[in-house]
């Protein structure tokens, strides 16, 4: 392989690994908005 191809593959591997580490360590906040929905009794057979 040429030197340029090896550099491109190494850069792609670093981006993929770095992205994976970022997603594993990112502390995504939980949704804080409360959802209220009224369900009709017709949807539940008795």
C-alpha atoms as a PDB file:
ATOM      1  CA  UNK A   1       0.000   0.000   0.000  1.00  0.00           C
ATOM      2  CA  UNK A   2       1.122   3.515  -0.557  1.00  0.00           C
ATOM      3  CA  UNK A   3       2.002   5.798   2.313  1.00  0.00           C
ATOM      4  CA  UNK A   4      -1.026   8.029   1.645  1.00  0.00           C
ATOM      5  CA  UNK A   5      -3.408   5.055   1.843  1.00  0.00           C
ATOM      6  CA  UNK A   6      -1.920   3.975   5.154  1.00  0.00           C
ATOM      7  CA  UNK A   7      -2.291   7.499   6.576  1.00  0.00           C
ATOM      8  CA  UNK A   8      -5.913   7.677   5.398  1.00  0.00           C
ATOM      9  CA  UNK A   9      -6.735   4.293   6.977  1.00  0.00           C
ATOM     10  CA  UNK A  10      -5.055   5.290  10.237  1.00  0.00           C
ATOM     11  CA  UNK A  11      -6.999   8.582  10.316  1.00  0.00           C
ATOM     12  CA  UNK A  12     -10.290   6.765   9.649  1.00  0.00           C
ATOM     13  CA  UNK A  13      -9.541   4.235  12.401  1.00  0.00           C
ATOM     14  CA  UNK A  14      -8.735   7.044  14.849  1.00  0.00           C
ATOM     15  CA  UNK A  15     -11.989   8.822  13.991  1.00  0.00           C
ATOM     16  CA  UNK A  16     -14.052   5.668  14.499  1.00  0.00           C
ATOM     17  CA  UNK A  17     -12.329   4.779  17.782  1.00  0.00           C
ATOM     18  CA  UNK A  18     -12.535   8.370  19.025  1.00  0.00           C
ATOM     19  CA  UNK A  19     -16.224   8.550  18.145  1.00  0.00           C
ATOM     20  CA  UNK A  20     -16.894   5.304  19.996  1.00  0.00           C
ATOM     21  CA  UNK A  21     -15.068   6.527  23.102  1.00  0.00           C
ATOM     22  CA  UNK A  22     -16.971   9.818  22.938  1.00  0.00           C
ATOM     23  CA  UNK A  23     -20.339   8.053  22.752  1.00  0.00           C
ATOM     24  CA  UNK A  24     -19.437   5.704  25.623  1.00  0.00           C
ATOM     25  CA  UNK A  25     -18.404   8.555  27.927  1.00  0.00           C
ATOM     26  CA  UNK A  26     -21.027  11.174  26.938  1.00  0.00           C
ATOM     27  CA  UNK A  27     -23.437  11.756  29.820  1.00  0.00           C
ATOM     28  CA  UNK A  28     -26.697  12.335  27.941  1.00  0.00           C
ATOM     29  CA  UNK A  29     -29.243  14.059  30.212  1.00  0.00           C
ATOM     30  CA  UNK A  30     -32.572  12.338  30.737  1.00  0.00           C
ATOM     31  CA  UNK A  31     -35.683  14.040  29.338  1.00  0.00           C
ATOM     32  CA  UNK A  32     -37.161  16.389  31.927  1.00  0.00           C
ATOM     33  CA  UNK A  33     -40.495  17.210  30.284  1.00  0.00           C
ATOM     34  CA  UNK A  34     -43.481  15.398  31.813  1.00  0.00           C
ATOM     35  CA  UNK A  35     -45.880  13.783  29.327  1.00  0.00           C
ATOM     36  CA  UNK A  36     -49.540  13.321  30.227  1.00  0.00           C
ATOM     37  CA  UNK A  37     -51.909  11.510  27.906  1.00  0.00           C
ATOM     38  CA  UNK A  38     -55.509  10.479  28.557  1.00  0.00           C
ATOM     39  CA  UNK A  39     -56.484   7.062  27.227  1.00  0.00           C
ATOM     40  CA  UNK A  40     -60.111   6.246  26.560  1.00  0.00           C
ATOM     41  CA  UNK A  41     -61.672   3.165  28.154  1.00  0.00           C
ATOM     42  CA  UNK A  42     -62.748   1.911  24.721  1.00  0.00           C
ATOM     43  CA  UNK A  43     -59.186   0.812  23.990  1.00  0.00           C
ATOM     44  CA  UNK A  44     -59.216  -1.710  26.839  1.00  0.00           C
ATOM     45  CA  UNK A  45     -61.603  -4.643  26.520  1.00  0.00           C
ATOM     46  CA  UNK A  46     -63.143  -5.901  29.747  1.00  0.00           C
END
